Every structure is written in structure tokens, then in C-alpha cells.
Amino acid sequence: MSDSSILSQMIVALPDLREFHAPTNSVYALLRDVVRREVVDTFAAEVAEPKAFGPFGDLVFPYVKMGAIDSLDLFGLDELIIFSFYWRNRARYRRVLDLGANIGLHSIMLARAGFTVTCYEPDPHHFSLLNRNLDNNAITTVTPKQAAVAIEAGSLEFVRVLGNTTGSHLAGSKTNVYGDVERFKVEAVTFNSIIDGVDFIKMDVEGQEKKILTATQREHWQNLDMMCEIGSAENAASVFAHFQGIGINTFAQKIGWAKVERVEDMPTSYHDGSLFISAKAEMPWNE
């Protein structure tokens, strides 16, 4: 099997390099450039062969275009940081959700870390690729659901952004949408209806995070952690105020995974990295 030893070593080492995870850090910039070169060399083939991917084992992940974005972008440094977190916490979590599963890479990594996964992806094209990628990697512990996750259930309007389908979203989730779009109905389930017995969630719901997170209560977080993306300054301010109000901690990659004490420390887009939400006193980076 072809091996990218740099990528494999990076995944193992990243938890111990967390002081450099802030996107403004000069070491982060170096690591980001190294990762990009290795990813292009490893995962650029449309007919994919198994590639060794650190502790997660061999990965089959064919190259696909998604508008201006492609599948190589799913292996950026920020994603590898999250994958390394999954692996470090493989003994901590058991039942997890992948909300906004795209074409399945996070679900595969979560499954390979030993978790039982239910993933949700509303776009039918992405959902088809997700199932293909699960099959290609012989993943049997992921249950895929073709649905959006929101605060209301039923048939909702979905906006597919043709220039970047990774940015597609439920109508009303984003104020500025550029380029051509397609609109169609998708089924949605409520967040509260799917979280019973779940102890970890990865969430990237393209603007819906404000509505979902500010509808939660303190009791929801007693045995639940989340890694999520925040898509705007408005959403960041609302999420910050909500968790400050209910006494649940947040930790931001933007500040090296320190505890968020000020709204200025909140991520406001994917450029700032992820937000970790937990009732824990600190983020669990140690095995």
C-alpha cells in the first residue's frame, strides 16, 4: 500500500502540537503548506487506490470536484487536527453523530476510531458519494441518513450552491450567497430528536448552528461534547452569549483551544477553525 508517512506522522503528532493549532500561528502556516503538498500527492487520483492514513488504516477516497472546492480540501490541516482529536478520544466516546456529513470523510474517520456513527447529509448528490465512500472502505458501523438537521422537522427548502456545493444549506441560513444555485426540498429532522444516548457530535451545518445551539439547555451537555463550525460573526455572538448564560464551556482553535472568555475569541468562519463545546473544565486532548 502506498503510504504518506508525513500525513500519518502528522495525525499522530498533532494533539501534542496543539499550542500551534491557531490559524494565525506561524507554525500552523508551515504545517498547513506541508499537509497540502502531501494531500495532493496522495489523494488526487479519480480512480483511488488504498493509501495508508496513519492510525486510521488504509483509506480509499477518489478525487471529486464540488464546484470550486474539491475533495482535496477535505484533508486540510484543520480537518487533520479534528481527525487527530477523534483518535485521541477513541476510548472516551462511543455513539456519535456526524451532522453535515458531506461525502463521508469524517464519518469514515469516526468509524475507524471505533465509534458507532449516524451521519446526516441532505444533498442527494453528496449522499450518493458518501455511500460510495463508505462502501469503498468497508465501513459497517455508520448509518447514513439523507436528511438535514434543524430545529423543525419536515420538508424544508435546500439551496445547493453550484460554485461550491460544500456551502449548500437550508434556505435562510446564510445572508450572502454568491453565484448560481438550485433550490429543492429536503427532509429535515430535529436536533433534539436524535441526540439521546449520543456522547459526541461533529457538526457542520452551514449557518444552522445558531438556531440549533441556542435552542439547547444545560442538561443536554452533561454527557455530550461537540466539535462544530461557526459560520458568521452574528452566529458567533449568539452562540457565545447562550453558552455563557447556561454555564457550558467552549474552547476555540482560534486561541489554541483555550477556554473562550470573550466573544472576540469565538470563530466567525471556517478560517478561524473549530469550536469545541463541553461541560468539561478543559478540552480532552490526552488519552
C-alpha atoms as a PDB file:
ATOM      1  CA  MET A   1       0.000   0.000   0.000  1.00  0.00           C
ATOM      2  CA  SER A   2       1.200   3.489  -0.762  1.00  0.00           C
ATOM      3  CA  ASP A   3       1.984   5.416   2.412  1.00  0.00           C
ATOM      4  CA  SER A   4       2.279   9.114   3.071  1.00  0.00           C
ATOM      5  CA  SER A   5       4.490   8.918   6.129  1.00  0.00           C
ATOM      6  CA  ILE A   6       4.288  12.680   6.619  1.00  0.00           C
ATOM      7  CA  LEU A   7       0.480  12.678   6.788  1.00  0.00           C
ATOM      8  CA  SER A   8       0.490   9.609   9.012  1.00  0.00           C
ATOM      9  CA  GLN A   9       3.034  11.106  11.389  1.00  0.00           C
ATOM     10  CA  MET A  10       1.204  14.423  11.372  1.00  0.00           C
ATOM     11  CA  ILE A  11      -2.065  12.847  12.546  1.00  0.00           C
ATOM     12  CA  VAL A  12      -0.297  11.179  15.470  1.00  0.00           C
ATOM     13  CA  ALA A  13       1.706  14.281  16.412  1.00  0.00           C
ATOM     14  CA  LEU A  14      -0.961  16.991  16.101  1.00  0.00           C
ATOM     15  CA  PRO A  15      -2.518  16.569  19.585  1.00  0.00           C
ATOM     16  CA  ASP A  16       0.876  17.313  21.121  1.00  0.00           C
ATOM     17  CA  LEU A  17       1.292  20.361  18.855  1.00  0.00           C
ATOM     18  CA  ARG A  18      -1.991  21.953  19.896  1.00  0.00           C
ATOM     19  CA  GLU A  19      -0.289  25.153  21.044  1.00  0.00           C
ATOM     20  CA  PHE A  20       0.322  25.727  17.307  1.00  0.00           C
ATOM     21  CA  HIS A  21      -3.242  24.979  16.121  1.00  0.00           C
ATOM     22  CA  ALA A  22      -4.343  28.619  15.987  1.00  0.00           C
ATOM     23  CA  PRO A  23      -4.571  29.627  12.306  1.00  0.00           C
ATOM     24  CA  THR A  24      -2.637  32.845  12.996  1.00  0.00           C
ATOM     25  CA  ASN A  25       0.372  30.912  14.296  1.00  0.00           C
ATOM     26  CA  SER A  26       3.429  30.810  12.018  1.00  0.00           C
ATOM     27  CA  VAL A  27       3.988  27.103  12.737  1.00  0.00           C
ATOM     28  CA  TYR A  28       0.376  26.461  11.698  1.00  0.00           C
ATOM     29  CA  ALA A  29       1.103  28.078   8.325  1.00  0.00           C
ATOM     30  CA  LEU A  30       4.099  25.798   7.824  1.00  0.00           C
ATOM     31  CA  LEU A  31       2.143  22.693   8.782  1.00  0.00           C
ATOM     32  CA  ARG A  32      -0.757  23.731   6.517  1.00  0.00           C
ATOM     33  CA  ASP A  33       1.549  24.011   3.495  1.00  0.00           C
ATOM     34  CA  VAL A  34       3.216  20.678   4.204  1.00  0.00           C
ATOM     35  CA  VAL A  35      -0.165  18.968   4.570  1.00  0.00           C
ATOM     36  CA  ARG A  36      -1.457  20.434   1.314  1.00  0.00           C
ATOM     37  CA  ARG A  37       1.503  19.139  -0.689  1.00  0.00           C
ATOM     38  CA  GLU A  38       1.178  15.682   0.812  1.00  0.00           C
ATOM     39  CA  VAL A  39      -2.585  15.566   0.262  1.00  0.00           C
ATOM     40  CA  VAL A  40      -2.246  16.498  -3.410  1.00  0.00           C
ATOM     41  CA  ASP A  41       0.367  13.778  -3.865  1.00  0.00           C
ATOM     42  CA  THR A  42      -1.753  11.192  -2.041  1.00  0.00           C
ATOM     43  CA  PHE A  43      -5.429  11.744  -2.855  1.00  0.00           C
ATOM     44  CA  ALA A  44      -5.555  13.381  -6.311  1.00  0.00           C
ATOM     45  CA  ALA A  45      -6.479  10.260  -8.295  1.00  0.00           C
ATOM     46  CA  GLU A  46     -10.051   9.841  -9.577  1.00  0.00           C
ATOM     47  CA  VAL A  47      -9.563   6.080  -9.521  1.00  0.00           C
ATOM     48  CA  ALA A  48      -8.300   5.706  -5.993  1.00  0.00           C
ATOM     49  CA  GLU A  49      -6.067   3.031  -4.542  1.00  0.00           C
ATOM     50  CA  PRO A  50      -5.779   2.388  -0.814  1.00  0.00           C
ATOM     51  CA  LYS A  51      -3.497   4.889   0.894  1.00  0.00           C
ATOM     52  CA  ALA A  52      -2.168   4.450   4.410  1.00  0.00           C
ATOM     53  CA  PHE A  53      -3.584   7.199   6.585  1.00  0.00           C
ATOM     54  CA  GLY A  54      -1.927   6.996   9.954  1.00  0.00           C
ATOM     55  CA  PRO A  55      -3.707   5.094  12.726  1.00  0.00           C
ATOM     56  CA  PHE A  56      -6.940   5.087  10.697  1.00  0.00           C
ATOM     57  CA  GLY A  57      -5.545   2.481   8.328  1.00  0.00           C
ATOM     58  CA  ASP A  58      -5.858   2.328   4.551  1.00  0.00           C
ATOM     59  CA  LEU A  59      -8.193   4.878   3.022  1.00  0.00           C
ATOM     60  CA  VAL A  60      -9.829   4.724  -0.410  1.00  0.00           C
ATOM     61  CA  PHE A  61     -11.044   8.215  -1.306  1.00  0.00           C
ATOM     62  CA  PRO A  62     -11.392   9.092  -5.016  1.00  0.00           C
ATOM     63  CA  TYR A  63     -10.903  12.685  -6.131  1.00  0.00           C
ATOM     64  CA  VAL A  64     -14.125  14.585  -6.886  1.00  0.00           C
ATOM     65  CA  LYS A  65     -14.947  18.189  -7.782  1.00  0.00           C
ATOM     66  CA  MET A  66     -17.572  20.080  -5.796  1.00  0.00           C
ATOM     67  CA  GLY A  67     -17.547  23.369  -7.682  1.00  0.00           C
ATOM     68  CA  ALA A  68     -14.525  25.495  -6.818  1.00  0.00           C
ATOM     69  CA  ILE A  69     -13.834  23.133  -3.919  1.00  0.00           C
ATOM     70  CA  ASP A  70     -12.664  19.567  -4.355  1.00  0.00           C
ATOM     71  CA  SER A  71     -12.130  16.514  -2.195  1.00  0.00           C
ATOM     72  CA  LEU A  72      -8.522  17.519  -1.511  1.00  0.00           C
ATOM     73  CA  ASP A  73      -9.840  20.454   0.516  1.00  0.00           C
ATOM     74  CA  LEU A  74     -11.467  17.972   2.885  1.00  0.00           C
ATOM     75  CA  PHE A  75      -7.954  16.978   4.043  1.00  0.00           C
ATOM     76  CA  GLY A  76      -6.788  20.427   5.139  1.00  0.00           C
ATOM     77  CA  LEU A  77      -4.793  20.925   8.326  1.00  0.00           C
ATOM     78  CA  ASP A  78      -7.896  21.918  10.298  1.00  0.00           C
ATOM     79  CA  GLU A  79      -9.523  18.618   9.330  1.00  0.00           C
ATOM     80  CA  LEU A  80      -6.432  16.618  10.261  1.00  0.00           C
ATOM     81  CA  ILE A  81      -6.485  18.342  13.646  1.00  0.00           C
ATOM     82  CA  ILE A  82     -10.055  17.152  14.148  1.00  0.00           C
ATOM     83  CA  PHE A  83      -9.190  13.638  12.956  1.00  0.00           C
ATOM     84  CA  SER A  84      -6.339  13.548  15.477  1.00  0.00           C
ATOM     85  CA  PHE A  85      -8.810  14.568  18.186  1.00  0.00           C
ATOM     86  CA  TYR A  86     -11.065  11.662  17.212  1.00  0.00           C
ATOM     87  CA  TRP A  87      -8.182   9.248  17.556  1.00  0.00           C
ATOM     88  CA  ARG A  88      -7.004  10.624  20.892  1.00  0.00           C
ATOM     89  CA  ASN A  89     -10.540  10.233  22.237  1.00  0.00           C
ATOM     90  CA  ARG A  90     -11.249   6.792  20.836  1.00  0.00           C
ATOM     91  CA  ALA A  91     -11.678   5.394  24.359  1.00  0.00           C
ATOM     92  CA  ARG A  92     -13.819   8.301  25.570  1.00  0.00           C
ATOM     93  CA  TYR A  93     -16.767   8.319  23.159  1.00  0.00           C
ATOM     94  CA  ARG A  94     -18.994   5.540  21.828  1.00  0.00           C
ATOM     95  CA  ARG A  95     -22.090   6.798  19.983  1.00  0.00           C
ATOM     96  CA  VAL A  96     -21.525   9.804  17.762  1.00  0.00           C
ATOM     97  CA  LEU A  97     -23.293  11.910  15.153  1.00  0.00           C
ATOM     98  CA  ASP A  98     -21.846  13.478  12.014  1.00  0.00           C
ATOM     99  CA  LEU A  99     -24.153  16.369  11.106  1.00  0.00           C
ATOM    100  CA  GLY A 100     -23.437  17.744   7.659  1.00  0.00           C
ATOM    101  CA  ALA A 101     -21.539  14.656   6.568  1.00  0.00           C
ATOM    102  CA  ASN A 102     -20.777  15.860   3.030  1.00  0.00           C
ATOM    103  CA  ILE A 103     -19.192  12.924   1.175  1.00  0.00           C
ATOM    104  CA  GLY A 104     -18.342  10.936   4.275  1.00  0.00           C
ATOM    105  CA  LEU A 105     -14.719  11.543   5.220  1.00  0.00           C
ATOM    106  CA  HIS A 106     -15.428  12.453   8.853  1.00  0.00           C
ATOM    107  CA  SER A 107     -17.823   9.530   9.201  1.00  0.00           C
ATOM    108  CA  ILE A 108     -15.111   7.171   7.983  1.00  0.00           C
ATOM    109  CA  MET A 109     -12.579   8.619  10.424  1.00  0.00           C
ATOM    110  CA  LEU A 110     -15.066   8.399  13.299  1.00  0.00           C
ATOM    111  CA  ALA A 111     -15.843   4.782  12.436  1.00  0.00           C
ATOM    112  CA  ARG A 112     -12.169   3.902  12.189  1.00  0.00           C
ATOM    113  CA  ALA A 113     -11.683   5.412  15.644  1.00  0.00           C
ATOM    114  CA  GLY A 114     -14.103   2.766  16.889  1.00  0.00           C
ATOM    115  CA  PHE A 115     -17.286   4.808  17.257  1.00  0.00           C
ATOM    116  CA  THR A 116     -20.797   3.853  16.201  1.00  0.00           C
ATOM    117  CA  VAL A 117     -21.833   6.668  13.855  1.00  0.00           C
ATOM    118  CA  THR A 118     -25.079   8.039  12.500  1.00  0.00           C
ATOM    119  CA  CYS A 119     -24.480  10.645   9.811  1.00  0.00           C
ATOM    120  CA  TYR A 120     -26.837  13.149   8.183  1.00  0.00           C
ATOM    121  CA  GLU A 121     -26.404  14.707   4.729  1.00  0.00           C
ATOM    122  CA  PRO A 122     -29.310  16.358   2.875  1.00  0.00           C
ATOM    123  CA  ASP A 123     -27.806  16.854  -0.598  1.00  0.00           C
ATOM    124  CA  PRO A 124     -28.709  13.764  -2.683  1.00  0.00           C
ATOM    125  CA  HIS A 125     -25.572  14.015  -4.814  1.00  0.00           C
ATOM    126  CA  HIS A 126     -23.269  14.225  -1.796  1.00  0.00           C
ATOM    127  CA  PHE A 127     -25.264  11.467  -0.122  1.00  0.00           C
ATOM    128  CA  SER A 128     -24.636   9.172  -3.089  1.00  0.00           C
ATOM    129  CA  LEU A 129     -20.880   9.852  -2.911  1.00  0.00           C
ATOM    130  CA  LEU A 130     -20.980   9.342   0.854  1.00  0.00           C
ATOM    131  CA  ASN A 131     -22.451   5.871   0.432  1.00  0.00           C
ATOM    132  CA  ARG A 132     -19.899   5.033  -2.253  1.00  0.00           C
ATOM    133  CA  ASN A 133     -17.056   6.077   0.050  1.00  0.00           C
ATOM    134  CA  LEU A 134     -18.449   4.052   2.939  1.00  0.00           C
ATOM    135  CA  ASP A 135     -18.685   1.001   0.674  1.00  0.00           C
ATOM    136  CA  ASN A 136     -15.196   1.521  -0.768  1.00  0.00           C
ATOM    137  CA  ASN A 137     -13.778   1.498   2.740  1.00  0.00           C
ATOM    138  CA  ALA A 138     -15.877  -1.444   4.018  1.00  0.00           C
ATOM    139  CA  ILE A 139     -17.401   0.721   6.759  1.00  0.00           C
ATOM    140  CA  THR A 140     -20.199  -1.114   8.568  1.00  0.00           C
ATOM    141  CA  THR A 141     -20.584   0.983  11.734  1.00  0.00           C
ATOM    142  CA  VAL A 142     -22.000   4.101  10.047  1.00  0.00           C
ATOM    143  CA  THR A 143     -25.736   4.545   9.489  1.00  0.00           C
ATOM    144  CA  PRO A 144     -26.265   7.204   6.793  1.00  0.00           C
ATOM    145  CA  LYS A 145     -29.418   9.328   6.785  1.00  0.00           C
ATOM    146  CA  GLN A 146     -30.389  11.523   3.826  1.00  0.00           C
ATOM    147  CA  ALA A 147     -31.744  14.430   5.844  1.00  0.00           C
ATOM    148  CA  ALA A 148     -30.912  17.864   7.170  1.00  0.00           C
ATOM    149  CA  VAL A 149     -30.793  18.627  10.885  1.00  0.00           C
ATOM    150  CA  ALA A 150     -32.640  21.708  12.084  1.00  0.00           C
ATOM    151  CA  ILE A 151     -34.924  22.903  14.896  1.00  0.00           C
ATOM    152  CA  GLU A 152     -38.008  21.930  12.916  1.00  0.00           C
ATOM    153  CA  ALA A 153     -38.857  18.690  11.139  1.00  0.00           C
ATOM    154  CA  GLY A 154     -40.471  18.186   7.766  1.00  0.00           C
ATOM    155  CA  SER A 155     -39.857  19.217   4.180  1.00  0.00           C
ATOM    156  CA  LEU A 156     -37.620  22.308   4.021  1.00  0.00           C
ATOM    157  CA  GLU A 157     -36.121  24.268   1.148  1.00  0.00           C
ATOM    158  CA  PHE A 158     -32.472  23.490   0.427  1.00  0.00           C
ATOM    159  CA  VAL A 159     -30.112  25.747  -1.508  1.00  0.00           C
ATOM    160  CA  ARG A 160     -27.397  23.977  -3.491  1.00  0.00           C
ATOM    161  CA  VAL A 161     -24.569  26.408  -4.237  1.00  0.00           C
ATOM    162  CA  LEU A 162     -23.277  25.238  -7.605  1.00  0.00           C
ATOM    163  CA  GLY A 163     -19.963  27.043  -7.315  1.00  0.00           C
ATOM    164  CA  ASN A 164     -19.204  25.319  -4.011  1.00  0.00           C
ATOM    165  CA  THR A 165     -21.562  22.527  -3.042  1.00  0.00           C
ATOM    166  CA  THR A 166     -19.865  22.178   0.347  1.00  0.00           C
ATOM    167  CA  GLY A 167     -21.523  25.518   1.150  1.00  0.00           C
ATOM    168  CA  SER A 168     -25.046  24.364   0.306  1.00  0.00           C
ATOM    169  CA  HIS A 169     -27.542  24.998   3.101  1.00  0.00           C
ATOM    170  CA  LEU A 170     -31.117  25.232   4.284  1.00  0.00           C
ATOM    171  CA  ALA A 171     -32.805  28.348   2.924  1.00  0.00           C
ATOM    172  CA  GLY A 172     -32.432  31.288   5.285  1.00  0.00           C
ATOM    173  CA  SER A 173     -29.245  30.004   6.916  1.00  0.00           C
ATOM    174  CA  LYS A 174     -26.978  32.438   5.074  1.00  0.00           C
ATOM    175  CA  THR A 175     -27.469  36.087   4.152  1.00  0.00           C
ATOM    176  CA  ASN A 176     -24.923  36.286   1.324  1.00  0.00           C
ATOM    177  CA  VAL A 177     -24.996  33.598  -1.345  1.00  0.00           C
ATOM    178  CA  TYR A 178     -22.963  34.171  -4.492  1.00  0.00           C
ATOM    179  CA  GLY A 179     -23.291  32.550  -7.899  1.00  0.00           C
ATOM    180  CA  ASP A 180     -25.794  30.134  -9.350  1.00  0.00           C
ATOM    181  CA  VAL A 181     -27.935  27.990  -7.075  1.00  0.00           C
ATOM    182  CA  GLU A 182     -30.504  25.227  -7.276  1.00  0.00           C
ATOM    183  CA  ARG A 183     -33.420  25.071  -4.848  1.00  0.00           C
ATOM    184  CA  PHE A 184     -35.308  21.942  -3.893  1.00  0.00           C
ATOM    185  CA  LYS A 185     -36.961  20.316  -0.906  1.00  0.00           C
ATOM    186  CA  VAL A 186     -35.175  18.036   1.562  1.00  0.00           C
ATOM    187  CA  GLU A 187     -36.378  16.215   4.629  1.00  0.00           C
ATOM    188  CA  ALA A 188     -35.262  17.545   8.000  1.00  0.00           C
ATOM    189  CA  VAL A 189     -35.160  16.051  11.475  1.00  0.00           C
ATOM    190  CA  THR A 190     -34.880  17.960  14.729  1.00  0.00           C
ATOM    191  CA  PHE A 191     -31.638  18.081  16.676  1.00  0.00           C
ATOM    192  CA  ASN A 192     -33.325  17.162  19.947  1.00  0.00           C
ATOM    193  CA  SER A 193     -34.915  14.071  18.398  1.00  0.00           C
ATOM    194  CA  ILE A 194     -31.577  12.439  17.510  1.00  0.00           C
ATOM    195  CA  ILE A 195     -29.249  13.120  20.445  1.00  0.00           C
ATOM    196  CA  ASP A 196     -30.468  10.623  23.055  1.00  0.00           C
ATOM    197  CA  GLY A 197     -27.589   8.356  24.067  1.00  0.00           C
ATOM    198  CA  VAL A 198     -25.081  10.266  21.927  1.00  0.00           C
ATOM    199  CA  ASP A 199     -21.844  11.395  23.596  1.00  0.00           C
ATOM    200  CA  PHE A 200     -20.093  13.259  20.763  1.00  0.00           C
ATOM    201  CA  ILE A 201     -21.196  15.262  17.715  1.00  0.00           C
ATOM    202  CA  LYS A 202     -19.288  16.701  14.802  1.00  0.00           C
ATOM    203  CA  MET A 203     -21.467  19.457  13.322  1.00  0.00           C
ATOM    204  CA  ASP A 204     -21.011  21.498  10.157  1.00  0.00           C
ATOM    205  CA  VAL A 205     -24.486  22.657   9.196  1.00  0.00           C
ATOM    206  CA  GLU A 206     -23.693  25.746   7.136  1.00  0.00           C
ATOM    207  CA  GLY A 207     -25.345  28.509   9.141  1.00  0.00           C
ATOM    208  CA  GLN A 208     -27.945  26.486  11.061  1.00  0.00           C
ATOM    209  CA  GLU A 209     -25.644  26.251  14.078  1.00  0.00           C
ATOM    210  CA  LYS A 210     -27.028  29.416  15.685  1.00  0.00           C
ATOM    211  CA  LYS A 211     -30.597  28.101  15.744  1.00  0.00           C
ATOM    212  CA  ILE A 212     -29.601  24.607  16.818  1.00  0.00           C
ATOM    213  CA  LEU A 213     -27.160  25.545  19.568  1.00  0.00           C
ATOM    214  CA  THR A 214     -29.143  28.374  21.115  1.00  0.00           C
ATOM    215  CA  ALA A 215     -32.118  26.012  21.473  1.00  0.00           C
ATOM    216  CA  THR A 216     -30.141  23.654  23.726  1.00  0.00           C
ATOM    217  CA  GLN A 217     -30.270  23.624  27.505  1.00  0.00           C
ATOM    218  CA  ARG A 218     -27.587  22.921  30.085  1.00  0.00           C
ATOM    219  CA  GLU A 219     -28.861  19.383  30.673  1.00  0.00           C
ATOM    220  CA  HIS A 220     -28.243  18.477  27.029  1.00  0.00           C
ATOM    221  CA  TRP A 221     -24.494  18.892  27.590  1.00  0.00           C
ATOM    222  CA  GLN A 222     -23.949  16.871  30.748  1.00  0.00           C
ATOM    223  CA  ASN A 223     -22.760  13.823  28.779  1.00  0.00           C
ATOM    224  CA  LEU A 224     -22.315  15.350  25.346  1.00  0.00           C
ATOM    225  CA  ASP A 225     -19.385  17.072  23.601  1.00  0.00           C
ATOM    226  CA  MET A 226     -19.380  18.724  20.192  1.00  0.00           C
ATOM    227  CA  MET A 227     -16.890  19.902  17.589  1.00  0.00           C
ATOM    228  CA  CYS A 228     -18.536  22.433  15.307  1.00  0.00           C
ATOM    229  CA  GLU A 229     -18.018  25.167  12.759  1.00  0.00           C
ATOM    230  CA  ILE A 230     -19.385  28.679  13.290  1.00  0.00           C
ATOM    231  CA  GLY A 231     -20.234  30.473  10.071  1.00  0.00           C
ATOM    232  CA  SER A 232     -20.594  34.181  10.871  1.00  0.00           C
ATOM    233  CA  ALA A 233     -19.899  36.889  13.447  1.00  0.00           C
ATOM    234  CA  GLU A 234     -23.619  37.114  14.188  1.00  0.00           C
ATOM    235  CA  ASN A 235     -23.821  33.396  14.880  1.00  0.00           C
ATOM    236  CA  ALA A 236     -20.665  33.561  16.991  1.00  0.00           C
ATOM    237  CA  ALA A 237     -22.084  36.311  19.206  1.00  0.00           C
ATOM    238  CA  SER A 238     -25.367  34.466  19.748  1.00  0.00           C
ATOM    239  CA  VAL A 239     -23.680  31.136  20.497  1.00  0.00           C
ATOM    240  CA  PHE A 240     -21.213  32.802  22.891  1.00  0.00           C
ATOM    241  CA  ALA A 241     -23.989  34.549  24.813  1.00  0.00           C
ATOM    242  CA  HIS A 242     -26.053  31.371  25.006  1.00  0.00           C
ATOM    243  CA  PHE A 243     -23.331  29.148  26.438  1.00  0.00           C
ATOM    244  CA  GLN A 244     -22.158  31.838  28.828  1.00  0.00           C
ATOM    245  CA  GLY A 245     -25.747  32.047  30.010  1.00  0.00           C
ATOM    246  CA  ILE A 246     -26.221  28.325  30.658  1.00  0.00           C
ATOM    247  CA  GLY A 247     -22.735  27.728  32.061  1.00  0.00           C
ATOM    248  CA  ILE A 248     -21.339  25.428  29.368  1.00  0.00           C
ATOM    249  CA  ASN A 249     -17.730  25.834  28.253  1.00  0.00           C
ATOM    250  CA  THR A 250     -16.452  26.479  24.769  1.00  0.00           C
ATOM    251  CA  PHE A 251     -12.882  26.092  23.531  1.00  0.00           C
ATOM    252  CA  ALA A 252     -11.668  27.696  20.301  1.00  0.00           C
ATOM    253  CA  GLN A 253      -8.979  26.599  17.889  1.00  0.00           C
ATOM    254  CA  LYS A 254      -8.585  30.309  17.130  1.00  0.00           C
ATOM    255  CA  ILE A 255      -6.921  30.758  20.546  1.00  0.00           C
ATOM    256  CA  GLY A 256      -5.075  27.439  20.688  1.00  0.00           C
ATOM    257  CA  TRP A 257      -8.055  25.584  22.180  1.00  0.00           C
ATOM    258  CA  ALA A 258      -8.096  27.786  25.272  1.00  0.00           C
ATOM    259  CA  LYS A 259     -11.401  28.367  27.003  1.00  0.00           C
ATOM    260  CA  VAL A 260     -13.405  31.142  25.367  1.00  0.00           C
ATOM    261  CA  GLU A 261     -13.853  34.043  27.773  1.00  0.00           C
ATOM    262  CA  ARG A 262     -14.665  36.855  25.316  1.00  0.00           C
ATOM    263  CA  VAL A 263     -16.803  36.997  22.216  1.00  0.00           C
ATOM    264  CA  GLU A 264     -13.703  38.163  20.327  1.00  0.00           C
ATOM    265  CA  ASP A 265     -12.196  34.711  20.895  1.00  0.00           C
ATOM    266  CA  MET A 266     -15.039  32.996  19.048  1.00  0.00           C
ATOM    267  CA  PRO A 267     -14.511  31.694  15.493  1.00  0.00           C
ATOM    268  CA  THR A 268     -16.586  33.574  12.924  1.00  0.00           C
ATOM    269  CA  SER A 269     -15.884  31.408   9.856  1.00  0.00           C
ATOM    270  CA  TYR A 270     -14.053  28.245   8.850  1.00  0.00           C
ATOM    271  CA  HIS A 271     -10.905  30.360   8.501  1.00  0.00           C
ATOM    272  CA  ASP A 272     -10.758  30.518  12.317  1.00  0.00           C
ATOM    273  CA  GLY A 273     -11.002  26.774  12.812  1.00  0.00           C
ATOM    274  CA  SER A 274     -13.451  24.888  15.001  1.00  0.00           C
ATOM    275  CA  LEU A 275     -15.237  25.382  18.318  1.00  0.00           C
ATOM    276  CA  PHE A 276     -15.393  22.627  20.939  1.00  0.00           C
ATOM    277  CA  ILE A 277     -18.404  22.655  23.282  1.00  0.00           C
ATOM    278  CA  SER A 278     -18.446  20.710  26.538  1.00  0.00           C
ATOM    279  CA  ALA A 279     -19.386  20.727  30.204  1.00  0.00           C
ATOM    280  CA  LYS A 280     -15.806  19.584  30.863  1.00  0.00           C
ATOM    281  CA  ALA A 281     -13.401  22.018  32.521  1.00  0.00           C
ATOM    282  CA  GLU A 282     -10.843  21.540  29.769  1.00  0.00           C
ATOM    283  CA  MET A 283     -10.674  20.083  26.306  1.00  0.00           C
ATOM    284  CA  PRO A 284      -9.725  16.375  26.390  1.00  0.00           C
ATOM    285  CA  TRP A 285      -6.582  16.122  24.286  1.00  0.00           C
ATOM    286  CA  ASN A 286      -4.890  13.461  26.424  1.00  0.00           C
ATOM    287  CA  GLU A 287      -5.678   9.774  26.049  1.00  0.00           C
END
